[in-house]
Amino acid sequence: MLDPERYVTDDGLGLTAAAVRVIFEVASPGKRSLERDRAKKRREYARAGIPVYVLVDDYDGQGAVTLFTGPRPDKADWDDIHRVPYGPDVTIPEGPAKGFVIGEGITGPRRD
């Protein structure tokens, strides 16, 4: 279990990003939003050491779920990046959402 005292911010009003164990993100439309969702947040979440990042992206081809695991804070990147077009299930492999399935109930059917 996470010890919240360890992650309290200096001002005592919240928790640091290191307390986050998983992030689920839905990509926003627009060039600036997509750049932020696909690149900036990806780097910042890795830099923070967040173990699992899931990006559901309607604007990636015909739609895709990208699962990022194994953050590399020193490189602001990830050891494992698994991109799956909408259709097949994506199962979260670790962390508090381990076993959670992202499938057609969330993304809708495969788009051709």
C-alpha atoms as a PDB file:
ATOM      1  CA  MET A   1       0.000   0.000   0.000  1.00  0.00           C
ATOM      2  CA  LEU A   2       1.173   3.521  -0.801  1.00  0.00           C
ATOM      3  CA  ASP A   3       2.312   5.627   2.165  1.00  0.00           C
ATOM      4  CA  PRO A   4       0.781   9.059   1.445  1.00  0.00           C
ATOM      5  CA  GLU A   5       2.983  10.828   4.007  1.00  0.00           C
ATOM      6  CA  ARG A   6       6.000  10.064   1.833  1.00  0.00           C
ATOM      7  CA  TYR A   7       4.508  11.891  -1.156  1.00  0.00           C
ATOM      8  CA  VAL A   8       2.969  15.017   0.394  1.00  0.00           C
ATOM      9  CA  THR A   9       3.992  18.192  -1.447  1.00  0.00           C
ATOM     10  CA  ASP A  10       6.029  20.843   0.372  1.00  0.00           C
ATOM     11  CA  ASP A  11       2.962  23.049   0.757  1.00  0.00           C
ATOM     12  CA  GLY A  12       0.974  20.123   2.222  1.00  0.00           C
ATOM     13  CA  LEU A  13      -1.861  20.602  -0.256  1.00  0.00           C
ATOM     14  CA  GLY A  14      -1.407  17.529  -2.429  1.00  0.00           C
ATOM     15  CA  LEU A  15       0.725  14.603  -3.423  1.00  0.00           C
ATOM     16  CA  THR A  16       3.701  14.531  -5.766  1.00  0.00           C
ATOM     17  CA  ALA A  17       3.486  12.821  -9.159  1.00  0.00           C
ATOM     18  CA  ALA A  18       5.630   9.982  -7.787  1.00  0.00           C
ATOM     19  CA  ALA A  19       2.562   8.841  -5.787  1.00  0.00           C
ATOM     20  CA  VAL A  20       0.666   8.079  -9.004  1.00  0.00           C
ATOM     21  CA  ARG A  21       0.768   4.398  -9.978  1.00  0.00           C
ATOM     22  CA  VAL A  22      -1.190   4.513 -13.255  1.00  0.00           C
ATOM     23  CA  ILE A  23      -2.514   7.159 -15.641  1.00  0.00           C
ATOM     24  CA  PHE A  24      -5.270   6.672 -18.200  1.00  0.00           C
ATOM     25  CA  GLU A  25      -5.310   9.424 -20.811  1.00  0.00           C
ATOM     26  CA  VAL A  26      -7.721  10.102 -23.650  1.00  0.00           C
ATOM     27  CA  ALA A  27      -6.089  12.079 -26.456  1.00  0.00           C
ATOM     28  CA  SER A  28      -7.632  15.453 -27.208  1.00  0.00           C
ATOM     29  CA  PRO A  29      -8.212  16.703 -30.766  1.00  0.00           C
ATOM     30  CA  GLY A  30      -6.115  19.420 -32.331  1.00  0.00           C
ATOM     31  CA  LYS A  31      -2.445  19.596 -33.241  1.00  0.00           C
ATOM     32  CA  ARG A  32      -1.289  21.281 -30.012  1.00  0.00           C
ATOM     33  CA  SER A  33      -3.353  18.955 -27.825  1.00  0.00           C
ATOM     34  CA  LEU A  34      -2.109  15.842 -29.606  1.00  0.00           C
ATOM     35  CA  GLU A  35       1.516  16.999 -29.294  1.00  0.00           C
ATOM     36  CA  ARG A  36       0.947  17.523 -25.570  1.00  0.00           C
ATOM     37  CA  ASP A  37      -0.809  14.162 -25.086  1.00  0.00           C
ATOM     38  CA  ARG A  38       1.515  12.072 -27.273  1.00  0.00           C
ATOM     39  CA  ALA A  39       4.894  13.630 -26.502  1.00  0.00           C
ATOM     40  CA  LYS A  40       5.057  16.064 -23.591  1.00  0.00           C
ATOM     41  CA  LYS A  41       2.922  14.068 -21.152  1.00  0.00           C
ATOM     42  CA  ARG A  42       4.620  10.840 -22.223  1.00  0.00           C
ATOM     43  CA  ARG A  43       8.036  12.316 -21.292  1.00  0.00           C
ATOM     44  CA  GLU A  44       6.819  13.930 -18.074  1.00  0.00           C
ATOM     45  CA  TYR A  45       5.071  10.785 -16.830  1.00  0.00           C
ATOM     46  CA  ALA A  46       8.229   8.751 -17.500  1.00  0.00           C
ATOM     47  CA  ARG A  47      10.361  11.407 -15.791  1.00  0.00           C
ATOM     48  CA  ALA A  48       8.055  11.200 -12.744  1.00  0.00           C
ATOM     49  CA  GLY A  49       8.529   7.400 -12.635  1.00  0.00           C
ATOM     50  CA  ILE A  50       4.830   6.605 -13.005  1.00  0.00           C
ATOM     51  CA  PRO A  51       4.809   2.818 -13.614  1.00  0.00           C
ATOM     52  CA  VAL A  52       1.945   2.566 -16.129  1.00  0.00           C
ATOM     53  CA  TYR A  53       0.631   5.073 -18.669  1.00  0.00           C
ATOM     54  CA  VAL A  54      -2.248   4.227 -21.014  1.00  0.00           C
ATOM     55  CA  LEU A  55      -3.106   6.515 -23.937  1.00  0.00           C
ATOM     56  CA  VAL A  56      -6.428   5.964 -25.720  1.00  0.00           C
ATOM     57  CA  ASP A  57      -6.093   7.864 -28.983  1.00  0.00           C
ATOM     58  CA  ASP A  58      -8.972   8.209 -31.465  1.00  0.00           C
ATOM     59  CA  TYR A  59      -6.668  10.250 -33.720  1.00  0.00           C
ATOM     60  CA  ASP A  60      -3.887   7.644 -34.100  1.00  0.00           C
ATOM     61  CA  GLY A  61      -4.682   6.090 -37.481  1.00  0.00           C
ATOM     62  CA  GLN A  62      -8.019   4.357 -37.021  1.00  0.00           C
ATOM     63  CA  GLY A  63      -7.681   4.626 -33.247  1.00  0.00           C
ATOM     64  CA  ALA A  64      -5.152   2.960 -30.966  1.00  0.00           C
ATOM     65  CA  VAL A  65      -4.407   2.177 -27.346  1.00  0.00           C
ATOM     66  CA  THR A  66      -0.781   2.645 -26.373  1.00  0.00           C
ATOM     67  CA  LEU A  67       0.481   1.060 -23.161  1.00  0.00           C
ATOM     68  CA  PHE A  68       3.686   2.445 -21.655  1.00  0.00           C
ATOM     69  CA  THR A  69       5.462   0.522 -18.861  1.00  0.00           C
ATOM     70  CA  GLY A  70       8.953   0.528 -17.385  1.00  0.00           C
ATOM     71  CA  PRO A  71       9.509   4.265 -16.976  1.00  0.00           C
ATOM     72  CA  ARG A  72      13.080   5.547 -17.405  1.00  0.00           C
ATOM     73  CA  PRO A  73      13.134   8.818 -15.439  1.00  0.00           C
ATOM     74  CA  ASP A  74      16.766   9.453 -16.415  1.00  0.00           C
ATOM     75  CA  LYS A  75      15.857   9.271 -20.127  1.00  0.00           C
ATOM     76  CA  ALA A  76      12.276  10.641 -19.901  1.00  0.00           C
ATOM     77  CA  ASP A  77      11.206   7.570 -21.854  1.00  0.00           C
ATOM     78  CA  TRP A  78       9.833   4.056 -21.407  1.00  0.00           C
ATOM     79  CA  ASP A  79      11.351   0.566 -21.639  1.00  0.00           C
ATOM     80  CA  ASP A  80       8.200  -0.970 -23.103  1.00  0.00           C
ATOM     81  CA  ILE A  81       5.748   0.716 -25.452  1.00  0.00           C
ATOM     82  CA  HIS A  82       2.959  -1.445 -26.811  1.00  0.00           C
ATOM     83  CA  ARG A  83       0.589   0.126 -29.390  1.00  0.00           C
ATOM     84  CA  VAL A  84      -2.562  -1.793 -30.317  1.00  0.00           C
ATOM     85  CA  PRO A  85      -5.090  -0.603 -32.931  1.00  0.00           C
ATOM     86  CA  TYR A  86      -8.694  -0.529 -31.716  1.00  0.00           C
ATOM     87  CA  GLY A  87     -10.219  -3.990 -31.791  1.00  0.00           C
ATOM     88  CA  PRO A  88      -8.020  -6.394 -29.819  1.00  0.00           C
ATOM     89  CA  ASP A  89      -8.146  -6.186 -26.026  1.00  0.00           C
ATOM     90  CA  VAL A  90      -5.320  -4.510 -24.128  1.00  0.00           C
ATOM     91  CA  THR A  91      -4.790  -5.822 -20.586  1.00  0.00           C
ATOM     92  CA  ILE A  92      -2.937  -3.755 -17.996  1.00  0.00           C
ATOM     93  CA  PRO A  93      -0.001  -5.955 -16.911  1.00  0.00           C
ATOM     94  CA  GLU A  94       0.905  -4.436 -13.536  1.00  0.00           C
ATOM     95  CA  GLY A  95       0.077  -1.929 -10.835  1.00  0.00           C
ATOM     96  CA  PRO A  96      -3.267  -1.152  -9.200  1.00  0.00           C
ATOM     97  CA  ALA A  97      -5.146  -1.650 -12.477  1.00  0.00           C
ATOM     98  CA  LYS A  98      -3.494  -5.012 -13.210  1.00  0.00           C
ATOM     99  CA  GLY A  99      -5.857  -7.165 -15.235  1.00  0.00           C
ATOM    100  CA  PHE A 100      -8.073  -4.251 -16.322  1.00  0.00           C
ATOM    101  CA  VAL A 101      -9.060  -4.771 -19.948  1.00  0.00           C
ATOM    102  CA  ILE A 102      -9.425  -1.974 -22.486  1.00  0.00           C
ATOM    103  CA  GLY A 103     -11.547  -3.381 -25.261  1.00  0.00           C
ATOM    104  CA  GLU A 104     -14.438  -2.530 -27.528  1.00  0.00           C
ATOM    105  CA  GLY A 105     -16.580  -1.513 -24.576  1.00  0.00           C
ATOM    106  CA  ILE A 106     -14.231   1.423 -24.094  1.00  0.00           C
ATOM    107  CA  THR A 107     -12.836   2.143 -27.568  1.00  0.00           C
ATOM    108  CA  GLY A 108     -15.691   0.958 -29.736  1.00  0.00           C
ATOM    109  CA  PRO A 109     -15.186  -1.585 -32.530  1.00  0.00           C
ATOM    110  CA  ARG A 110     -12.207  -1.791 -34.818  1.00  0.00           C
ATOM    111  CA  ARG A 111     -12.229   0.999 -37.389  1.00  0.00           C
ATOM    112  CA  ASP A 112     -11.220   0.315 -40.990  1.00  0.00           C
END
